[in-house]
PDB file of N, CA and C in Angstrom:
ATOM      1  N   MET A   1      47.609  12.614  -6.914  1.00  0.00           N
ATOM      2  CA  MET A   1      47.240  13.471  -5.804  1.00  0.00           C
ATOM      3  C   MET A   1      46.009  14.280  -6.192  1.00  0.00           C
ATOM      4  N   THR A   2      45.072  14.370  -5.292  1.00  0.00           N
ATOM      5  CA  THR A   2      43.844  15.114  -5.545  1.00  0.00           C
ATOM      6  C   THR A   2      44.139  16.599  -5.602  1.00  0.00           C
ATOM      7  N   GLN A   3      43.534  17.253  -6.586  1.00  0.00           N
ATOM      8  CA  GLN A   3      43.688  18.701  -6.708  1.00  0.00           C
ATOM      9  C   GLN A   3      42.339  19.354  -6.467  1.00  0.00           C
ATOM     10  N   TYR A   4      42.383  20.539  -5.854  1.00  0.00           N
ATOM     11  CA  TYR A   4      41.171  21.252  -5.496  1.00  0.00           C
ATOM     12  C   TYR A   4      41.183  22.667  -6.047  1.00  0.00           C
ATOM     13  N   ALA A   5      40.006  23.249  -6.120  1.00  0.00           N
ATOM     14  CA  ALA A   5      39.847  24.657  -6.472  1.00  0.00           C
ATOM     15  C   ALA A   5      38.908  25.279  -5.450  1.00  0.00           C
ATOM     16  N   ILE A   6      39.058  26.580  -5.240  1.00  0.00           N
ATOM     17  CA  ILE A   6      38.151  27.276  -4.334  1.00  0.00           C
ATOM     18  C   ILE A   6      36.768  27.311  -4.956  1.00  0.00           C
ATOM     19  N   ASN A   7      35.771  27.003  -4.164  1.00  0.00           N
ATOM     20  CA  ASN A   7      34.381  27.003  -4.615  1.00  0.00           C
ATOM     21  C   ASN A   7      33.748  28.346  -4.245  1.00  0.00           C
ATOM     22  N   GLN A   8      33.719  29.268  -5.180  1.00  0.00           N
ATOM     23  CA  GLN A   8      33.136  30.589  -4.927  1.00  0.00           C
ATOM     24  C   GLN A   8      31.628  30.523  -4.711  1.00  0.00           C
ATOM     25  N   ASN A   9      31.015  29.399  -5.039  1.00  0.00           N
ATOM     26  CA  ASN A   9      29.573  29.236  -4.891  1.00  0.00           C
ATOM     27  C   ASN A   9      29.203  28.416  -3.656  1.00  0.00           C
ATOM     28  N   SER A  10      30.113  28.284  -2.713  1.00  0.00           N
ATOM     29  CA  SER A  10      29.823  27.516  -1.509  1.00  0.00           C
ATOM     30  C   SER A  10      28.598  28.081  -0.795  1.00  0.00           C
ATOM     31  N   PRO A  11      27.655  27.223  -0.411  1.00  0.00           N
ATOM     32  CA  PRO A  11      26.503  27.711   0.348  1.00  0.00           C
ATOM     33  C   PRO A  11      26.852  27.998   1.808  1.00  0.00           C
ATOM     34  N   PHE A  12      28.094  27.708   2.199  1.00  0.00           N
ATOM     35  CA  PHE A  12      28.501  27.859   3.598  1.00  0.00           C
ATOM     36  C   PHE A  12      29.628  28.882   3.761  1.00  0.00           C
ATOM     37  N   LYS A  13      29.535  30.005   3.055  1.00  0.00           N
ATOM     38  CA  LYS A  13      30.574  31.027   3.130  1.00  0.00           C
ATOM     39  C   LYS A  13      30.651  31.691   4.504  1.00  0.00           C
ATOM     40  N   ASP A  14      29.617  31.520   5.315  1.00  0.00           N
ATOM     41  CA  ASP A  14      29.648  32.060   6.676  1.00  0.00           C
ATOM     42  C   ASP A  14      30.264  31.078   7.664  1.00  0.00           C
ATOM     43  N   GLY A  15      30.704  29.935   7.164  1.00  0.00           N
ATOM     44  CA  GLY A  15      31.283  28.901   8.017  1.00  0.00           C
ATOM     45  C   GLY A  15      32.606  29.330   8.623  1.00  0.00           C
ATOM     46  N   LEU A  16      33.022  28.577   9.626  1.00  0.00           N
ATOM     47  CA  LEU A  16      34.272  28.840  10.338  1.00  0.00           C
ATOM     48  C   LEU A  16      35.035  27.529  10.490  1.00  0.00           C
ATOM     49  N   ILE A  17      36.341  27.597  10.306  1.00  0.00           N
ATOM     50  CA  ILE A  17      37.203  26.465  10.632  1.00  0.00           C
ATOM     51  C   ILE A  17      38.014  26.903  11.841  1.00  0.00           C
ATOM     52  N   ILE A  18      37.997  26.080  12.879  1.00  0.00           N
ATOM     53  CA  ILE A  18      38.672  26.424  14.122  1.00  0.00           C
ATOM     54  C   ILE A  18      39.823  25.444  14.335  1.00  0.00           C
ATOM     55  N   ILE A  19      41.004  26.003  14.552  1.00  0.00           N
ATOM     56  CA  ILE A  19      42.194  25.193  14.821  1.00  0.00           C
ATOM     57  C   ILE A  19      42.629  25.506  16.245  1.00  0.00           C
ATOM     58  N   ASP A  20      42.451  24.545  17.135  1.00  0.00           N
ATOM     59  CA  ASP A  20      42.806  24.709  18.541  1.00  0.00           C
ATOM     60  C   ASP A  20      44.109  23.990  18.839  1.00  0.00           C
ATOM     61  N   ARG A  21      45.010  24.703  19.473  1.00  0.00           N
ATOM     62  CA  ARG A  21      46.278  24.108  19.897  1.00  0.00           C
ATOM     63  C   ARG A  21      46.355  24.206  21.419  1.00  0.00           C
ATOM     64  N   PRO A  22      46.182  23.077  22.101  1.00  0.00           N
ATOM     65  CA  PRO A  22      46.288  23.098  23.559  1.00  0.00           C
ATOM     66  C   PRO A  22      47.743  23.252  23.990  1.00  0.00           C
ATOM     67  N   HIS A  23      47.938  23.504  25.272  1.00  0.00           N
ATOM     68  CA  HIS A  23      49.303  23.599  25.786  1.00  0.00           C
ATOM     69  C   HIS A  23      50.017  22.264  25.666  1.00  0.00           C
ATOM     70  N   ARG A  24      49.248  21.178  25.781  1.00  0.00           N
ATOM     71  CA  ARG A  24      49.803  19.831  25.632  1.00  0.00           C
ATOM     72  C   ARG A  24      48.856  19.016  24.774  1.00  0.00           C
ATOM     73  N   GLY A  25      49.410  18.088  24.048  1.00  0.00           N
ATOM     74  CA  GLY A  25      48.582  17.209  23.235  1.00  0.00           C
ATOM     75  C   GLY A  25      48.420  17.718  21.814  1.00  0.00           C
ATOM     76  N   PRO A  26      47.717  16.944  21.004  1.00  0.00           N
ATOM     77  CA  PRO A  26      47.572  17.281  19.589  1.00  0.00           C
ATOM     78  C   PRO A  26      46.562  18.407  19.373  1.00  0.00           C
ATOM     79  N   GLN A  27      46.722  19.086  18.249  1.00  0.00           N
ATOM     80  CA  GLN A  27      45.757  20.124  17.894  1.00  0.00           C
ATOM     81  C   GLN A  27      44.432  19.488  17.508  1.00  0.00           C
ATOM     82  N   GLU A  28      43.374  20.268  17.637  1.00  0.00           N
ATOM     83  CA  GLU A  28      42.051  19.808  17.253  1.00  0.00           C
ATOM     84  C   GLU A  28      41.506  20.772  16.207  1.00  0.00           C
ATOM     85  N   ILE A  29      40.941  20.199  15.163  1.00  0.00           N
ATOM     86  CA  ILE A  29      40.384  21.009  14.081  1.00  0.00           C
ATOM     87  C   ILE A  29      38.916  20.664  13.943  1.00  0.00           C
ATOM     88  N   TRP A  30      38.077  21.697  13.956  1.00  0.00           N
ATOM     89  CA  TRP A  30      36.645  21.484  13.823  1.00  0.00           C
ATOM     90  C   TRP A  30      36.049  22.647  13.047  1.00  0.00           C
ATOM     91  N   TYR A  31      34.786  22.547  12.730  1.00  0.00           N
ATOM     92  CA  TYR A  31      34.170  23.605  11.934  1.00  0.00           C
ATOM     93  C   TYR A  31      32.751  23.861  12.419  1.00  0.00           C
ATOM     94  N   CYS A  32      32.259  25.046  12.088  1.00  0.00           N
ATOM     95  CA  CYS A  32      30.889  25.440  12.384  1.00  0.00           C
ATOM     96  C   CYS A  32      30.292  26.023  11.112  1.00  0.00           C
ATOM     97  N   TRP A  33      28.990  25.947  11.017  1.00  0.00           N
ATOM     98  CA  TRP A  33      28.307  26.439   9.817  1.00  0.00           C
ATOM     99  C   TRP A  33      28.294  27.962   9.762  1.00  0.00           C
ATOM    100  N   ASP A  34      28.304  28.630  10.923  1.00  0.00           N
ATOM    101  CA  ASP A  34      28.299  30.091  10.992  1.00  0.00           C
ATOM    102  C   ASP A  34      28.571  30.507  12.433  1.00  0.00           C
ATOM    103  N   GLU A  35      28.567  31.834  12.704  1.00  0.00           N
ATOM    104  CA  GLU A  35      28.848  32.307  14.053  1.00  0.00           C
ATOM    105  C   GLU A  35      27.798  31.829  15.055  1.00  0.00           C
ATOM    106  N   ALA A  36      26.528  31.779  14.644  1.00  0.00           N
ATOM    107  CA  ALA A  36      25.473  31.316  15.544  1.00  0.00           C
ATOM    108  C   ALA A  36      25.712  29.864  15.960  1.00  0.00           C
ATOM    109  N   ASP A  37      26.173  29.040  15.040  1.00  0.00           N
ATOM    110  CA  ASP A  37      26.490  27.643  15.350  1.00  0.00           C
ATOM    111  C   ASP A  37      27.659  27.579  16.332  1.00  0.00           C
ATOM    112  N   PHE A  38      28.661  28.441  16.135  1.00  0.00           N
ATOM    113  CA  PHE A  38      29.801  28.498  17.056  1.00  0.00           C
ATOM    114  C   PHE A  38      29.322  28.864  18.464  1.00  0.00           C
ATOM    115  N   ILE A  39      28.485  29.894  18.572  1.00  0.00           N
ATOM    116  CA  ILE A  39      27.959  30.329  19.864  1.00  0.00           C
ATOM    117  C   ILE A  39      27.190  29.188  20.528  1.00  0.00           C
ATOM    118  N   LYS A  40      26.359  28.508  19.752  1.00  0.00           N
ATOM    119  CA  LYS A  40      25.578  27.385  20.283  1.00  0.00           C
ATOM    120  C   LYS A  40      26.489  26.275  20.809  1.00  0.00           C
ATOM    121  N   ARG A  41      27.500  25.906  20.040  1.00  0.00           N
ATOM    122  CA  ARG A  41      28.398  24.824  20.455  1.00  0.00           C
ATOM    123  C   ARG A  41      29.215  25.193  21.687  1.00  0.00           C
ATOM    124  N   VAL A  42      29.698  26.433  21.735  1.00  0.00           N
ATOM    125  CA  VAL A  42      30.477  26.860  22.903  1.00  0.00           C
ATOM    126  C   VAL A  42      29.592  26.877  24.141  1.00  0.00           C
ATOM    127  N   ASN A  43      28.355  27.336  24.007  1.00  0.00           N
ATOM    128  CA  ASN A  43      27.439  27.342  25.144  1.00  0.00           C
ATOM    129  C   ASN A  43      27.133  25.927  25.624  1.00  0.00           C
ATOM    130  N   GLN A  44      26.975  24.989  24.698  1.00  0.00           N
ATOM    131  CA  GLN A  44      26.750  23.597  25.084  1.00  0.00           C
ATOM    132  C   GLN A  44      27.967  23.052  25.834  1.00  0.00           C
ATOM    133  N   TRP A  45      29.141  23.364  25.330  1.00  0.00           N
ATOM    134  CA  TRP A  45      30.377  22.920  25.962  1.00  0.00           C
ATOM    135  C   TRP A  45      30.517  23.552  27.348  1.00  0.00           C
ATOM    136  N   ALA A  46      30.229  24.861  27.452  1.00  0.00           N
ATOM    137  CA  ALA A  46      30.352  25.575  28.722  1.00  0.00           C
ATOM    138  C   ALA A  46      29.399  25.006  29.775  1.00  0.00           C
ATOM    139  N   SER A  47      28.213  24.598  29.345  1.00  0.00           N
ATOM    140  CA  SER A  47      27.237  24.078  30.305  1.00  0.00           C
ATOM    141  C   SER A  47      27.668  22.717  30.876  1.00  0.00           C
ATOM    142  N   SER A  48      28.581  22.041  30.182  1.00  0.00           N
ATOM    143  CA  SER A  48      29.052  20.740  30.673  1.00  0.00           C
ATOM    144  C   SER A  48      30.310  20.863  31.540  1.00  0.00           C
ATOM    145  N   LYS A  49      30.853  22.069  31.641  1.00  0.00           N
ATOM    146  CA  LYS A  49      32.079  22.284  32.420  1.00  0.00           C
ATOM    147  C   LYS A  49      31.729  22.928  33.754  1.00  0.00           C
ATOM    148  N   ARG A  50      32.673  22.876  34.650  1.00  0.00           N
ATOM    149  CA  ARG A  50      32.434  23.435  35.984  1.00  0.00           C
ATOM    150  C   ARG A  50      33.042  24.818  36.164  1.00  0.00           C
ATOM    151  N   ASP A  51      33.795  25.323  35.183  1.00  0.00           N
ATOM    152  CA  ASP A  51      34.424  26.616  35.384  1.00  0.00           C
ATOM    153  C   ASP A  51      33.409  27.749  35.261  1.00  0.00           C
ATOM    154  N   SER A  52      33.761  28.852  35.835  1.00  0.00           N
ATOM    155  CA  SER A  52      32.887  30.021  35.835  1.00  0.00           C
ATOM    156  C   SER A  52      32.884  30.677  34.459  1.00  0.00           C
ATOM    157  N   THR A  53      31.700  31.087  34.043  1.00  0.00           N
ATOM    158  CA  THR A  53      31.571  31.787  32.751  1.00  0.00           C
ATOM    159  C   THR A  53      31.171  33.241  32.964  1.00  0.00           C
ATOM    160  N   GLU A  54      31.126  33.688  34.228  1.00  0.00           N
ATOM    161  CA  GLU A  54      30.615  35.023  34.549  1.00  0.00           C
ATOM    162  C   GLU A  54      31.366  36.146  33.849  1.00  0.00           C
ATOM    163  N   GLU A  55      32.658  35.988  33.632  1.00  0.00           N
ATOM    164  CA  GLU A  55      33.430  37.075  33.013  1.00  0.00           C
ATOM    165  C   GLU A  55      33.324  37.094  31.488  1.00  0.00           C
ATOM    166  N   TYR A  56      32.570  36.172  30.913  1.00  0.00           N
ATOM    167  CA  TYR A  56      32.444  36.078  29.455  1.00  0.00           C
ATOM    168  C   TYR A  56      30.986  36.304  29.048  1.00  0.00           C
ATOM    169  N   ASP A  57      30.796  37.044  27.971  1.00  0.00           N
ATOM    170  CA  ASP A  57      29.451  37.228  27.422  1.00  0.00           C
ATOM    171  C   ASP A  57      29.210  36.114  26.405  1.00  0.00           C
ATOM    172  N   LEU A  58      28.571  35.052  26.849  1.00  0.00           N
ATOM    173  CA  LEU A  58      28.373  33.891  25.989  1.00  0.00           C
ATOM    174  C   LEU A  58      27.216  34.060  25.018  1.00  0.00           C
ATOM    175  N   HIS A  59      26.704  35.283  24.904  1.00  0.00           N
ATOM    176  CA  HIS A  59      25.663  35.578  23.912  1.00  0.00           C
ATOM    177  C   HIS A  59      26.267  36.187  22.649  1.00  0.00           C
ATOM    178  N   THR A  60      27.575  36.490  22.701  1.00  0.00           N
ATOM    179  CA  THR A  60      28.239  37.102  21.553  1.00  0.00           C
ATOM    180  C   THR A  60      29.342  36.191  21.034  1.00  0.00           C
ATOM    181  N   PHE A  61      29.675  36.375  19.770  1.00  0.00           N
ATOM    182  CA  PHE A  61      30.745  35.583  19.170  1.00  0.00           C
ATOM    183  C   PHE A  61      32.064  35.848  19.886  1.00  0.00           C
ATOM    184  N   ASP A  62      32.393  37.126  20.108  1.00  0.00           N
ATOM    185  CA  ASP A  62      33.674  37.458  20.753  1.00  0.00           C
ATOM    186  C   ASP A  62      33.759  36.888  22.164  1.00  0.00           C
ATOM    187  N   GLY A  63      32.670  36.983  22.926  1.00  0.00           N
ATOM    188  CA  GLY A  63      32.660  36.428  24.275  1.00  0.00           C
ATOM    189  C   GLY A  63      32.838  34.924  24.263  1.00  0.00           C
ATOM    190  N   CYS A  64      32.174  34.260  23.330  1.00  0.00           N
ATOM    191  CA  CYS A  64      32.314  32.804  23.213  1.00  0.00           C
ATOM    192  C   CYS A  64      33.725  32.420  22.793  1.00  0.00           C
ATOM    193  N   PHE A  65      34.297  33.185  21.861  1.00  0.00           N
ATOM    194  CA  PHE A  65      35.663  32.881  21.436  1.00  0.00           C
ATOM    195  C   PHE A  65      36.633  33.060  22.601  1.00  0.00           C
ATOM    196  N   ASP A  66      36.473  34.141  23.373  1.00  0.00           N
ATOM    197  CA  ASP A  66      37.346  34.366  24.527  1.00  0.00           C
ATOM    198  C   ASP A  66      37.220  33.228  25.535  1.00  0.00           C
ATOM    199  N   TYR A  67      35.984  32.806  25.806  1.00  0.00           N
ATOM    200  CA  TYR A  67      35.782  31.697  26.749  1.00  0.00           C
ATOM    201  C   TYR A  67      36.397  30.408  26.204  1.00  0.00           C
ATOM    202  N   HIS A  68      36.110  30.120  24.939  1.00  0.00           N
ATOM    203  CA  HIS A  68      36.598  28.887  24.327  1.00  0.00           C
ATOM    204  C   HIS A  68      38.126  28.819  24.337  1.00  0.00           C
ATOM    205  N   SER A  69      38.769  29.923  24.060  1.00  0.00           N
ATOM    206  CA  SER A  69      40.226  29.902  23.882  1.00  0.00           C
ATOM    207  C   SER A  69      41.011  30.211  25.156  1.00  0.00           C
ATOM    208  N   HIS A  70      40.341  30.481  26.260  1.00  0.00           N
ATOM    209  CA  HIS A  70      41.070  30.938  27.455  1.00  0.00           C
ATOM    210  C   HIS A  70      42.053  29.923  28.024  1.00  0.00           C
ATOM    211  N   ASP A  71      41.835  28.642  27.802  1.00  0.00           N
ATOM    212  CA  ASP A  71      42.787  27.663  28.339  1.00  0.00           C
ATOM    213  C   ASP A  71      43.561  26.919  27.250  1.00  0.00           C
ATOM    214  N   LEU A  72      43.616  27.504  26.061  1.00  0.00           N
ATOM    215  CA  LEU A  72      44.379  26.925  24.954  1.00  0.00           C
ATOM    216  C   LEU A  72      45.663  27.710  24.742  1.00  0.00           C
ATOM    217  N   SER A  73      46.644  27.070  24.109  1.00  0.00           N
ATOM    218  CA  SER A  73      47.844  27.790  23.722  1.00  0.00           C
ATOM    219  C   SER A  73      47.483  28.812  22.636  1.00  0.00           C
ATOM    220  N   THR A  74      46.780  28.351  21.607  1.00  0.00           N
ATOM    221  CA  THR A  74      46.244  29.241  20.570  1.00  0.00           C
ATOM    222  C   THR A  74      44.958  28.647  20.010  1.00  0.00           C
ATOM    223  N   SER A  75      44.140  29.505  19.487  1.00  0.00           N
ATOM    224  CA  SER A  75      42.949  29.092  18.755  1.00  0.00           C
ATOM    225  C   SER A  75      42.841  30.019  17.561  1.00  0.00           C
ATOM    226  N   THR A  76      42.790  29.446  16.384  1.00  0.00           N
ATOM    227  CA  THR A  76      42.753  30.216  15.146  1.00  0.00           C
ATOM    228  C   THR A  76      41.445  29.949  14.426  1.00  0.00           C
ATOM    229  N   ILE A  77      40.835  31.023  13.941  1.00  0.00           N
ATOM    230  CA  ILE A  77      39.600  30.883  13.169  1.00  0.00           C
ATOM    231  C   ILE A  77      39.886  31.295  11.733  1.00  0.00           C
ATOM    232  N   ILE A  78      39.490  30.425  10.816  1.00  0.00           N
ATOM    233  CA  ILE A  78      39.629  30.717   9.393  1.00  0.00           C
ATOM    234  C   ILE A  78      38.225  30.939   8.837  1.00  0.00           C
ATOM    235  N   ARG A  79      38.051  32.064   8.170  1.00  0.00           N
ATOM    236  CA  ARG A  79      36.774  32.396   7.529  1.00  0.00           C
ATOM    237  C   ARG A  79      36.955  32.316   6.019  1.00  0.00           C
ATOM    238  N   PHE A  80      35.859  32.043   5.332  1.00  0.00           N
ATOM    239  CA  PHE A  80      35.922  31.942   3.875  1.00  0.00           C
ATOM    240  C   PHE A  80      36.481  33.221   3.269  1.00  0.00           C
ATOM    241  N   ALA A  81      36.056  34.369   3.785  1.00  0.00           N
ATOM    242  CA  ALA A  81      36.501  35.652   3.235  1.00  0.00           C
ATOM    243  C   ALA A  81      38.020  35.819   3.318  1.00  0.00           C
ATOM    244  N   ASP A  82      38.631  35.173   4.295  1.00  0.00           N
ATOM    245  CA  ASP A  82      40.081  35.270   4.474  1.00  0.00           C
ATOM    246  C   ASP A  82      40.831  34.131   3.803  1.00  0.00           C
ATOM    247  N   PHE A  83      40.075  33.188   3.306  1.00  0.00           N
ATOM    248  CA  PHE A  83      40.647  31.987   2.711  1.00  0.00           C
ATOM    249  C   PHE A  83      41.308  32.351   1.380  1.00  0.00           C
ATOM    250  N   GLU A  84      42.519  31.946   1.191  1.00  0.00           N
ATOM    251  CA  GLU A  84      43.261  32.307  -0.018  1.00  0.00           C
ATOM    252  C   GLU A  84      43.653  31.067  -0.796  1.00  0.00           C
ATOM    253  N   SER A  85      43.879  31.273  -2.086  1.00  0.00           N
ATOM    254  CA  SER A  85      44.241  30.139  -2.937  1.00  0.00           C
ATOM    255  C   SER A  85      45.582  29.526  -2.557  1.00  0.00           C
ATOM    256  N   ARG A  86      46.372  30.239  -1.762  1.00  0.00           N
ATOM    257  CA  ARG A  86      47.658  29.649  -1.340  1.00  0.00           C
ATOM    258  C   ARG A  86      47.446  28.375  -0.538  1.00  0.00           C
ATOM    259  N   TRP A  87      46.288  28.250   0.116  1.00  0.00           N
ATOM    260  CA  TRP A  87      45.987  27.031   0.851  1.00  0.00           C
ATOM    261  C   TRP A  87      45.889  25.853  -0.118  1.00  0.00           C
ATOM    262  N   LEU A  88      45.498  26.153  -1.338  1.00  0.00           N
ATOM    263  CA  LEU A  88      45.368  25.093  -2.329  1.00  0.00           C
ATOM    264  C   LEU A  88      46.709  24.775  -2.984  1.00  0.00           C
ATOM    265  N   MET A  89      47.559  25.775  -3.107  1.00  0.00           N
ATOM    266  CA  MET A  89      48.867  25.555  -3.710  1.00  0.00           C
ATOM    267  C   MET A  89      49.778  24.773  -2.755  1.00  0.00           C
ATOM    268  N   ASN A  90      49.625  25.022  -1.479  1.00  0.00           N
ATOM    269  CA  ASN A  90      50.407  24.329  -0.462  1.00  0.00           C
ATOM    270  C   ASN A  90      49.418  23.856   0.596  1.00  0.00           C
ATOM    271  N   PRO A  91      48.598  22.866   0.268  1.00  0.00           N
ATOM    272  CA  PRO A  91      47.484  22.513   1.147  1.00  0.00           C
ATOM    273  C   PRO A  91      47.927  21.959   2.494  1.00  0.00           C
ATOM    274  N   ALA A  92      47.256  22.446   3.505  1.00  0.00           N
ATOM    275  CA  ALA A  92      47.445  21.890   4.839  1.00  0.00           C
ATOM    276  C   ALA A  92      46.467  20.734   4.948  1.00  0.00           C
ATOM    277  N   ARG A  93      46.963  19.543   4.825  1.00  0.00           N
ATOM    278  CA  ARG A  93      46.106  18.353   4.788  1.00  0.00           C
ATOM    279  C   ARG A  93      45.253  18.213   6.042  1.00  0.00           C
ATOM    280  N   ASP A  94      45.702  18.805   7.141  1.00  0.00           N
ATOM    281  CA  ASP A  94      44.932  18.655   8.367  1.00  0.00           C
ATOM    282  C   ASP A  94      43.620  19.431   8.354  1.00  0.00           C
ATOM    283  N   ILE A  95      43.453  20.380   7.443  1.00  0.00           N
ATOM    284  CA  ILE A  95      42.168  21.081   7.363  1.00  0.00           C
ATOM    285  C   ILE A  95      41.379  20.719   6.102  1.00  0.00           C
ATOM    286  N   GLU A  96      41.846  19.743   5.373  1.00  0.00           N
ATOM    287  CA  GLU A  96      41.177  19.364   4.137  1.00  0.00           C
ATOM    288  C   GLU A  96      39.728  18.928   4.378  1.00  0.00           C
ATOM    289  N   GLN A  97      39.482  18.111   5.399  1.00  0.00           N
ATOM    290  CA  GLN A  97      38.127  17.627   5.647  1.00  0.00           C
ATOM    291  C   GLN A  97      37.145  18.775   5.937  1.00  0.00           C
ATOM    292  N   PRO A  98      37.472  19.718   6.841  1.00  0.00           N
ATOM    293  CA  PRO A  98      36.545  20.834   7.034  1.00  0.00           C
ATOM    294  C   PRO A  98      36.337  21.667   5.763  1.00  0.00           C
ATOM    295  N   LEU A  99      37.380  21.826   4.977  1.00  0.00           N
ATOM    296  CA  LEU A  99      37.244  22.579   3.723  1.00  0.00           C
ATOM    297  C   LEU A  99      36.242  21.910   2.795  1.00  0.00           C
ATOM    298  N   VAL A 100      36.301  20.592   2.734  1.00  0.00           N
ATOM    299  CA  VAL A 100      35.378  19.833   1.891  1.00  0.00           C
ATOM    300  C   VAL A 100      33.963  19.874   2.479  1.00  0.00           C
ATOM    301  N   MET A 101      33.841  19.696   3.800  1.00  0.00           N
ATOM    302  CA  MET A 101      32.527  19.683   4.442  1.00  0.00           C
ATOM    303  C   MET A 101      31.805  21.018   4.278  1.00  0.00           C
ATOM    304  N   LEU A 102      32.539  22.119   4.365  1.00  0.00           N
ATOM    305  CA  LEU A 102      31.943  23.446   4.190  1.00  0.00           C
ATOM    306  C   LEU A 102      31.816  23.820   2.716  1.00  0.00           C
ATOM    307  N   GLU A 103      32.266  22.927   1.852  1.00  0.00           N
ATOM    308  CA  GLU A 103      32.232  23.125   0.397  1.00  0.00           C
ATOM    309  C   GLU A 103      32.987  24.385  -0.028  1.00  0.00           C
ATOM    310  N   TRP A 104      34.067  24.690   0.693  1.00  0.00           N
ATOM    311  CA  TRP A 104      34.915  25.804   0.317  1.00  0.00           C
ATOM    312  C   TRP A 104      35.848  25.423  -0.822  1.00  0.00           C
ATOM    313  N   ILE A 105      36.096  24.135  -0.965  1.00  0.00           N
ATOM    314  CA  ILE A 105      36.907  23.651  -2.073  1.00  0.00           C
ATOM    315  C   ILE A 105      36.143  22.540  -2.771  1.00  0.00           C
ATOM    316  N   ILE A 106      36.442  22.396  -4.031  1.00  0.00           N
ATOM    317  CA  ILE A 106      35.853  21.313  -4.814  1.00  0.00           C
ATOM    318  C   ILE A 106      36.985  20.564  -5.501  1.00  0.00           C
ATOM    319  N   GLU A 107      36.768  19.283  -5.639  1.00  0.00           N
ATOM    320  CA  GLU A 107      37.774  18.442  -6.272  1.00  0.00           C
ATOM    321  C   GLU A 107      37.746  18.686  -7.778  1.00  0.00           C
ATOM    322  N   LEU A 108      38.914  18.844  -8.355  1.00  0.00           N
ATOM    323  CA  LEU A 108      39.024  19.013  -9.800  1.00  0.00           C
ATOM    324  C   LEU A 108      39.106  17.649 -10.451  1.00  0.00           C
ATOM    325  N   GLU A 109      38.423  17.516 -11.540  1.00  0.00           N
ATOM    326  CA  GLU A 109      38.510  16.260 -12.289  1.00  0.00           C
ATOM    327  C   GLU A 109      39.825  16.253 -13.041  1.00  0.00           C
ATOM    328  N   THR A 110      40.532  15.149 -12.925  1.00  0.00           N
ATOM    329  CA  THR A 110      41.798  15.009 -13.625  1.00  0.00           C
ATOM    330  C   THR A 110      41.746  13.770 -14.481  1.00  0.00           C
ATOM    331  N   ASP A 111      42.486  13.820 -15.558  1.00  0.00           N
ATOM    332  CA  ASP A 111      42.568  12.642 -16.434  1.00  0.00           C
ATOM    333  C   ASP A 111      43.552  11.664 -15.827  1.00  0.00           C
ATOM    334  N   GLU A 112      43.074  10.485 -15.538  1.00  0.00           N
ATOM    335  CA  GLU A 112      43.942   9.424 -15.019  1.00  0.00           C
ATOM    336  C   GLU A 112      44.559   8.710 -16.217  1.00  0.00           C
ATOM    337  N   GLU A 113      45.852   8.502 -16.150  1.00  0.00           N
ATOM    338  CA  GLU A 113      46.515   7.805 -17.263  1.00  0.00           C
ATOM    339  C   GLU A 113      46.781   6.389 -16.900  1.00  0.00           C
TER     340      GLU A 113
END
């Protein structure tokens, strides 16, 4: 089994991992490089939808998060600063790919026997 360690030198410490749980269907996990990337992606998504965005300030992170999550059961954001080693002790395999992509974790070299 692959073992990981937290990468304190990640160049993407401002990154975000987003875990969306809709009312129905499977959860979706995605990541952004930083808050500006999140705002950009939500605005792109909003421009392709027909719902009204007037009640949301899509120029701010909080407004974008409120708009993005308004029709989900839950939406959770994980930031590097909140990331704890317990994720490595009991890894949630469903977020392993974003952790690797943001370089928040690095694979430990192990001796294969």
